[in-house]
């Protein structure tokens, strides 16, 4: 047994477990009760809703680049969509929308939270809103600007808890550290006196390099986000 390998492996393993437990297990603060219910419309003039031309459903977090129906028609189109979320505890929720070649609007409980005009290129806007426990009604509206200059209309929406991206990143880092720690601990059991000294040194350097790389990468990205 190589005690140096074992100690390094256990240290990495413990750090990985602490990271994963601290950031990987988060209780949900909200849940979607249904997908987006979508109705498409012809838009004869910017901001004017014409006849409806079909229905669809979108997943809760969606990203359509391009919006397929816009590439199939020559006239400007738009859509109105609605869904409902159930907030499990009073909390801030972060909403983000992206648009291109049009205007996109996010409405929560009848109040406009984001109104984004994006003629070209893509634009993104993010805003957080404090929501209380219970049901909340969401609407997303998008329409192409008239006249239509391009056929690559883009509309996307996502919602998440503030800091969720960082927690996801750290959770991934925790899993990587756990795997590295397990691997290092296992190879500590396989080393023997017949192992060439230079190979042992290379393995130690390799393990330490992996640990330092993972540590710096994930924690640097955490502060950059």
Protein backbone atom coordinates (compact mmCIF):
# COMPACT_ATOMS: atom_id res chain seq x y z
CA UNK A 1 0.00 0.00 0.00
CA UNK A 2 1.18 3.48 -0.83
CA UNK A 3 0.22 5.74 2.08
CA UNK A 4 0.97 8.91 0.14
CA UNK A 5 -1.50 7.85 -2.56
CA UNK A 6 -4.06 6.91 0.08
CA UNK A 7 -3.82 10.25 1.91
CA UNK A 8 -4.06 12.27 -1.31
CA UNK A 9 -6.98 10.16 -2.50
CA UNK A 10 -8.90 10.52 0.75
CA UNK A 11 -8.37 14.29 0.85
CA UNK A 12 -9.67 14.67 -2.72
CA UNK A 13 -12.57 12.32 -1.95
CA UNK A 14 -13.63 14.25 1.15
CA UNK A 15 -13.48 17.60 -0.68
CA UNK A 16 -15.56 16.12 -3.50
CA UNK A 17 -18.19 14.74 -1.11
CA UNK A 18 -18.44 18.05 0.76
CA UNK A 19 -18.82 19.93 -2.53
CA UNK A 20 -21.46 17.53 -3.85
CA UNK A 21 -23.47 17.48 -0.63
CA UNK A 22 -23.30 21.25 -0.29
CA UNK A 23 -24.24 22.10 -3.88
CA UNK A 24 -25.59 18.98 -5.54
CA UNK A 25 -28.63 18.41 -3.35
CA UNK A 26 -30.96 21.38 -3.54
CA UNK A 27 -34.64 21.34 -2.67
CA UNK A 28 -36.89 22.65 -5.41
CA UNK A 29 -38.53 25.98 -4.75
CA UNK A 30 -40.95 25.78 -7.67
CA UNK A 31 -42.34 23.35 -10.20
CA UNK A 32 -44.10 23.72 -13.53
CA UNK A 33 -47.60 22.28 -13.61
CA UNK A 34 -47.77 22.06 -17.43
CA UNK A 35 -45.88 22.84 -20.62
CA UNK A 36 -46.36 26.10 -22.48
CA UNK A 37 -49.63 26.19 -24.41
CA UNK A 38 -48.85 28.05 -27.64
CA UNK A 39 -51.03 29.71 -30.28
CA UNK A 40 -49.46 31.09 -33.47
CA UNK A 41 -50.75 34.21 -35.22
CA UNK A 42 -50.16 36.16 -38.39
CA UNK A 43 -48.77 39.63 -37.59
CA UNK A 44 -49.94 42.09 -40.29
CA UNK A 45 -48.19 45.00 -38.56
CA UNK A 46 -45.66 45.09 -35.75
CA UNK A 47 -47.54 44.56 -32.51
CA UNK A 48 -50.87 43.81 -34.23
CA UNK A 49 -52.21 40.27 -33.81
CA UNK A 50 -54.03 38.84 -36.80
CA UNK A 51 -55.65 35.46 -37.39
CA UNK A 52 -54.44 32.43 -35.47
CA UNK A 53 -52.77 29.82 -37.66
CA UNK A 54 -52.13 26.90 -35.32
CA UNK A 55 -51.27 25.64 -31.87
CA UNK A 56 -48.30 23.92 -30.27
CA UNK A 57 -46.68 23.11 -26.92
CA UNK A 58 -43.23 24.16 -25.72
CA UNK A 59 -41.21 22.64 -22.86
CA UNK A 60 -40.90 24.85 -19.79
CA UNK A 61 -37.41 26.02 -20.76
CA UNK A 62 -37.32 26.39 -24.53
CA UNK A 63 -34.92 27.66 -27.17
CA UNK A 64 -36.05 27.88 -30.79
CA UNK A 65 -33.38 29.28 -33.07
CA UNK A 66 -34.84 29.56 -35.62
CA UNK A 67 -38.52 29.43 -34.79
CA UNK A 68 -39.53 26.79 -37.31
CA UNK A 69 -42.91 28.18 -38.30
CA UNK A 70 -41.26 31.48 -39.24
CA UNK A 71 -39.08 29.74 -41.82
CA UNK A 72 -42.12 28.11 -43.42
CA UNK A 73 -44.10 31.32 -44.08
CA UNK A 74 -43.46 34.54 -45.97
CA UNK A 75 -45.53 36.82 -43.75
CA UNK A 76 -44.57 37.89 -40.23
CA UNK A 77 -45.77 35.60 -37.47
CA UNK A 78 -45.93 35.61 -33.70
CA UNK A 79 -47.13 33.50 -30.83
CA UNK A 80 -48.80 33.84 -27.46
CA UNK A 81 -48.10 31.19 -24.86
CA UNK A 82 -49.07 30.56 -21.27
CA UNK A 83 -48.22 28.20 -18.46
CA UNK A 84 -48.50 27.96 -14.71
CA UNK A 85 -45.91 27.30 -12.01
CA UNK A 86 -46.40 26.28 -8.42
CA UNK A 87 -44.06 28.05 -6.01
CA UNK A 88 -43.31 25.83 -3.01
CA UNK A 89 -41.77 28.52 -0.82
CA UNK A 90 -41.41 32.29 -0.97
CA UNK A 91 -38.39 32.88 -3.17
CA UNK A 92 -36.73 34.87 -5.93
CA UNK A 93 -36.86 33.23 -9.35
CA UNK A 94 -34.66 34.33 -12.23
CA UNK A 95 -36.24 34.65 -15.68
CA UNK A 96 -34.31 35.01 -18.92
CA UNK A 97 -35.60 35.57 -22.45
CA UNK A 98 -33.84 35.88 -25.81
CA UNK A 99 -35.16 37.22 -29.11
CA UNK A 100 -34.01 37.99 -32.62
CA UNK A 101 -35.83 39.75 -35.49
CA UNK A 102 -38.73 40.63 -33.23
CA UNK A 103 -40.13 41.58 -29.86
CA UNK A 104 -40.52 39.20 -26.92
CA UNK A 105 -42.43 39.90 -23.74
CA UNK A 106 -42.67 38.07 -20.40
CA UNK A 107 -45.77 38.63 -18.30
CA UNK A 108 -46.18 37.23 -14.77
CA UNK A 109 -49.56 37.36 -13.06
CA UNK A 110 -50.68 40.04 -15.50
CA UNK A 111 -47.64 42.27 -14.96
CA UNK A 112 -45.00 42.77 -17.66
CA UNK A 113 -41.60 41.79 -16.24
CA UNK A 114 -39.51 41.96 -19.42
CA UNK A 115 -40.24 43.68 -22.74
CA UNK A 116 -37.34 43.15 -25.15
CA UNK A 117 -37.07 44.47 -28.70
CA UNK A 118 -34.38 42.74 -30.75
CA UNK A 119 -34.36 43.71 -34.46
CA UNK A 120 -30.98 42.04 -35.04
CA UNK A 121 -28.85 40.38 -33.74
CA UNK A 122 -29.97 38.27 -30.76
CA UNK A 123 -30.56 40.07 -27.49
CA UNK A 124 -30.99 38.60 -24.02
CA UNK A 125 -32.47 40.09 -20.89
CA UNK A 126 -32.65 38.57 -17.42
CA UNK A 127 -34.68 39.69 -14.43
CA UNK A 128 -35.49 38.20 -11.03
CA UNK A 129 -38.87 38.39 -9.37
CA UNK A 130 -39.92 37.51 -5.82
CA UNK A 131 -42.85 35.09 -5.87
CA UNK A 132 -44.89 33.91 -2.92
CA UNK A 133 -46.10 30.38 -2.25
CA UNK A 134 -48.84 29.23 -4.58
CA UNK A 135 -49.78 29.24 -8.26
CA UNK A 136 -48.49 31.92 -10.64
CA UNK A 137 -49.53 32.49 -14.25
CA UNK A 138 -46.84 33.10 -16.89
CA UNK A 139 -47.20 34.40 -20.44
CA UNK A 140 -44.61 34.76 -23.19
CA UNK A 141 -45.47 36.68 -26.36
CA UNK A 142 -43.28 37.02 -29.42
CA UNK A 143 -43.82 38.59 -32.81
CA UNK A 144 -41.63 39.36 -35.78
CA UNK A 145 -41.05 42.96 -36.73
CA UNK A 146 -42.69 44.11 -39.96
CA UNK A 147 -41.35 44.18 -42.61
CA UNK A 148 -39.62 40.83 -42.16
CA UNK A 149 -35.92 41.31 -42.89
CA UNK A 150 -34.74 37.76 -42.17
CA UNK A 151 -36.33 34.36 -41.64
CA UNK A 152 -34.27 33.29 -38.60
CA UNK A 153 -36.69 34.39 -35.89
CA UNK A 154 -35.42 33.35 -32.47
CA UNK A 155 -37.32 33.01 -29.20
CA UNK A 156 -36.17 31.37 -25.98
CA UNK A 157 -37.12 31.30 -22.32
CA UNK A 158 -35.70 29.81 -19.17
CA UNK A 159 -36.24 30.17 -15.46
CA UNK A 160 -34.07 29.05 -12.58
CA UNK A 161 -33.17 29.78 -9.02
CA UNK A 162 -30.57 32.55 -8.57
CA UNK A 163 -27.16 30.86 -8.41
CA UNK A 164 -28.46 27.61 -9.89
CA UNK A 165 -25.88 27.60 -12.70
CA UNK A 166 -23.07 28.00 -10.19
CA UNK A 167 -24.47 25.21 -8.01
CA UNK A 168 -24.74 22.93 -11.03
CA UNK A 169 -21.16 23.70 -11.98
CA UNK A 170 -19.90 23.03 -8.47
CA UNK A 171 -21.92 19.82 -8.31
CA UNK A 172 -20.21 18.62 -11.49
CA UNK A 173 -16.87 19.56 -9.96
CA UNK A 174 -17.77 17.62 -6.81
CA UNK A 175 -18.51 14.49 -8.83
CA UNK A 176 -15.21 14.82 -10.70
CA UNK A 177 -13.31 15.20 -7.42
CA UNK A 178 -15.07 12.16 -5.98
CA UNK A 179 -14.10 10.04 -9.00
CA UNK A 180 -10.52 11.30 -8.83
CA UNK A 181 -10.37 10.55 -5.11
CA UNK A 182 -11.75 7.04 -5.60
CA UNK A 183 -9.28 6.35 -8.39
CA UNK A 184 -6.33 7.61 -6.35
CA UNK A 185 -7.41 5.60 -3.31
CA UNK A 186 -7.72 2.42 -5.39
CA UNK A 187 -4.30 2.71 -7.00
CA UNK A 188 -2.81 3.20 -3.53
CA UNK A 189 -3.74 -0.43 -2.85
CA UNK A 190 -1.98 -1.73 -5.98
CA UNK A 191 1.46 -0.25 -5.63
CA UNK A 192 4.28 -2.50 -4.49
CA UNK A 193 8.03 -2.41 -4.17
CA UNK A 194 8.52 -3.72 -7.68
CA UNK A 195 6.89 -0.62 -9.13
CA UNK A 196 9.54 1.56 -10.82
CA UNK A 197 10.25 4.66 -8.79
CA UNK A 198 9.94 7.03 -11.75
CA UNK A 199 6.51 5.58 -12.61
CA UNK A 200 5.31 6.16 -9.06
CA UNK A 201 6.47 9.75 -9.23
CA UNK A 202 4.70 10.24 -12.55
CA UNK A 203 1.45 8.86 -11.12
CA UNK A 204 1.65 11.13 -8.08
CA UNK A 205 2.28 14.18 -10.26
CA UNK A 206 -0.60 13.12 -12.52
CA UNK A 207 -3.05 12.84 -9.63
CA UNK A 208 -1.97 16.13 -8.07
CA UNK A 209 -2.25 17.85 -11.46
CA UNK A 210 -5.82 16.57 -11.93
CA UNK A 211 -6.78 17.76 -8.45
CA UNK A 212 -5.31 21.24 -8.93
CA UNK A 213 -6.84 21.55 -12.40
CA UNK A 214 -10.33 20.62 -11.22
CA UNK A 215 -10.11 22.80 -8.14
CA UNK A 216 -8.95 25.91 -10.00
CA UNK A 217 -11.30 25.40 -12.98
CA UNK A 218 -14.54 24.95 -11.10
CA UNK A 219 -13.93 27.52 -8.40
CA UNK A 220 -12.68 30.12 -10.88
CA UNK A 221 -15.77 29.63 -13.05
CA UNK A 222 -17.91 29.95 -9.94
CA UNK A 223 -16.67 33.47 -9.30
CA UNK A 224 -16.82 34.43 -12.99
CA UNK A 225 -20.48 33.52 -13.39
